[in-house]
Amino acid sequence: MTASRATRLASLPASLAPRGLSRDEAAAYIGISPTKFAQLVDDGRMPKPKVIDGRRIWDRLMLDSFFAALPDSDGCANHNDVWSRAAL
């Protein structure tokens, strides 16, 4: 993390996570290497970044959504999503 990024993050309350993440931060957020994260983005299992003045930024909320859609170890996607099992 660059000094300017650290300075910007320090201005946020400790309880407020940043919304936009760099590739390395996004990879760390979901617990994988930047290389593996790039593979998941390329094959559509992770979201594409937003682009702000040429800088690629991943939306933390989109990461949460895509991560939740990944299959569990038993191969089921959204196995723990109570809303998908709710009666309409």
Protein backbone atom coordinates (compact mmCIF):
# COMPACT_ATOMS: atom_id res chain seq x y z
CA MET A 1 0.00 0.00 0.00
CA THR A 2 1.38 3.38 -0.94
CA ALA A 3 1.85 6.14 1.63
CA SER A 4 -0.92 8.23 0.04
CA ARG A 5 -3.32 5.25 0.14
CA ALA A 6 -2.44 4.66 3.79
CA THR A 7 -3.05 8.35 4.52
CA ARG A 8 -6.47 8.24 2.82
CA LEU A 9 -7.45 5.09 4.71
CA ALA A 10 -6.32 6.62 8.00
CA SER A 11 -8.85 9.40 7.47
CA LEU A 12 -11.70 6.86 7.57
CA PRO A 13 -13.17 5.72 10.88
CA ALA A 14 -11.68 2.36 11.88
CA SER A 15 -15.12 0.74 11.57
CA LEU A 16 -15.59 1.90 7.95
CA ALA A 17 -14.02 -0.32 5.32
CA PRO A 18 -13.14 1.37 2.01
CA ARG A 19 -15.64 0.70 -0.79
CA GLY A 20 -13.10 0.64 -3.62
CA LEU A 21 -10.16 -1.76 -3.53
CA SER A 22 -7.06 -2.19 -5.65
CA ARG A 23 -6.46 -5.60 -7.26
CA ASP A 24 -4.08 -6.63 -4.47
CA GLU A 25 -6.51 -5.44 -1.78
CA ALA A 26 -9.44 -7.18 -3.48
CA ALA A 27 -7.47 -10.42 -3.67
CA ALA A 28 -6.51 -10.16 0.00
CA TYR A 29 -10.12 -9.32 0.90
CA ILE A 30 -11.33 -12.67 -0.44
CA GLY A 31 -8.25 -14.56 0.74
CA ILE A 32 -6.40 -15.42 -2.46
CA SER A 33 -3.29 -14.29 -4.33
CA PRO A 34 -3.46 -11.44 -6.85
CA THR A 35 -2.61 -13.91 -9.62
CA LYS A 36 -5.50 -16.22 -8.71
CA PHE A 37 -7.78 -13.19 -8.37
CA ALA A 38 -6.88 -12.09 -11.91
CA GLN A 39 -7.77 -15.59 -13.17
CA LEU A 40 -11.17 -15.42 -11.44
CA VAL A 41 -11.85 -12.00 -12.96
CA ASP A 42 -10.87 -13.29 -16.41
CA ASP A 43 -13.20 -16.28 -16.20
CA GLY A 44 -16.10 -14.31 -14.69
CA ARG A 45 -16.09 -15.75 -11.19
CA MET A 46 -15.10 -12.34 -9.80
CA PRO A 47 -16.41 -8.98 -11.04
CA LYS A 48 -14.69 -6.74 -13.53
CA PRO A 49 -13.25 -3.56 -12.03
CA LYS A 50 -14.68 -0.09 -12.29
CA VAL A 51 -12.35 2.34 -14.05
CA ILE A 52 -11.74 5.80 -12.63
CA ASP A 53 -9.39 7.95 -14.71
CA GLY A 54 -7.56 4.84 -15.90
CA ARG A 55 -7.30 3.28 -12.44
CA ARG A 56 -8.96 -0.12 -11.92
CA ILE A 57 -10.97 -0.34 -8.68
CA TRP A 58 -13.03 -3.27 -7.37
CA ASP A 59 -16.27 -2.59 -5.54
CA ARG A 60 -16.16 -4.36 -2.18
CA LEU A 61 -19.92 -4.99 -2.26
CA MET A 62 -19.68 -6.63 -5.69
CA LEU A 63 -16.85 -8.80 -4.37
CA ASP A 64 -19.15 -9.91 -1.56
CA SER A 65 -21.88 -10.78 -4.06
CA PHE A 66 -19.60 -12.73 -6.40
CA PHE A 67 -17.89 -14.49 -3.48
CA ALA A 68 -21.27 -15.57 -2.09
CA ALA A 69 -22.16 -17.05 -5.50
CA LEU A 70 -19.09 -19.29 -5.58
CA PRO A 71 -19.92 -22.95 -4.95
CA ASP A 72 -19.26 -24.46 -1.54
CA SER A 73 -17.01 -27.50 -1.18
CA ASP A 74 -20.04 -29.69 -1.91
CA GLY A 75 -20.49 -27.95 -5.29
CA CYS A 76 -23.62 -26.01 -4.35
CA ALA A 77 -23.71 -22.28 -4.99
CA ASN A 78 -25.49 -20.13 -2.40
CA HIS A 79 -25.89 -23.11 -0.08
CA ASN A 80 -26.05 -20.77 2.91
CA ASP A 81 -28.21 -18.11 1.26
CA VAL A 82 -31.41 -18.19 3.33
CA TRP A 83 -33.19 -15.86 0.89
CA SER A 84 -32.84 -18.31 -2.00
CA ARG A 85 -34.58 -20.95 0.14
CA ALA A 86 -37.36 -18.66 1.40
CA ALA A 87 -40.93 -19.43 0.35
CA LEU A 88 -42.51 -16.78 -1.84
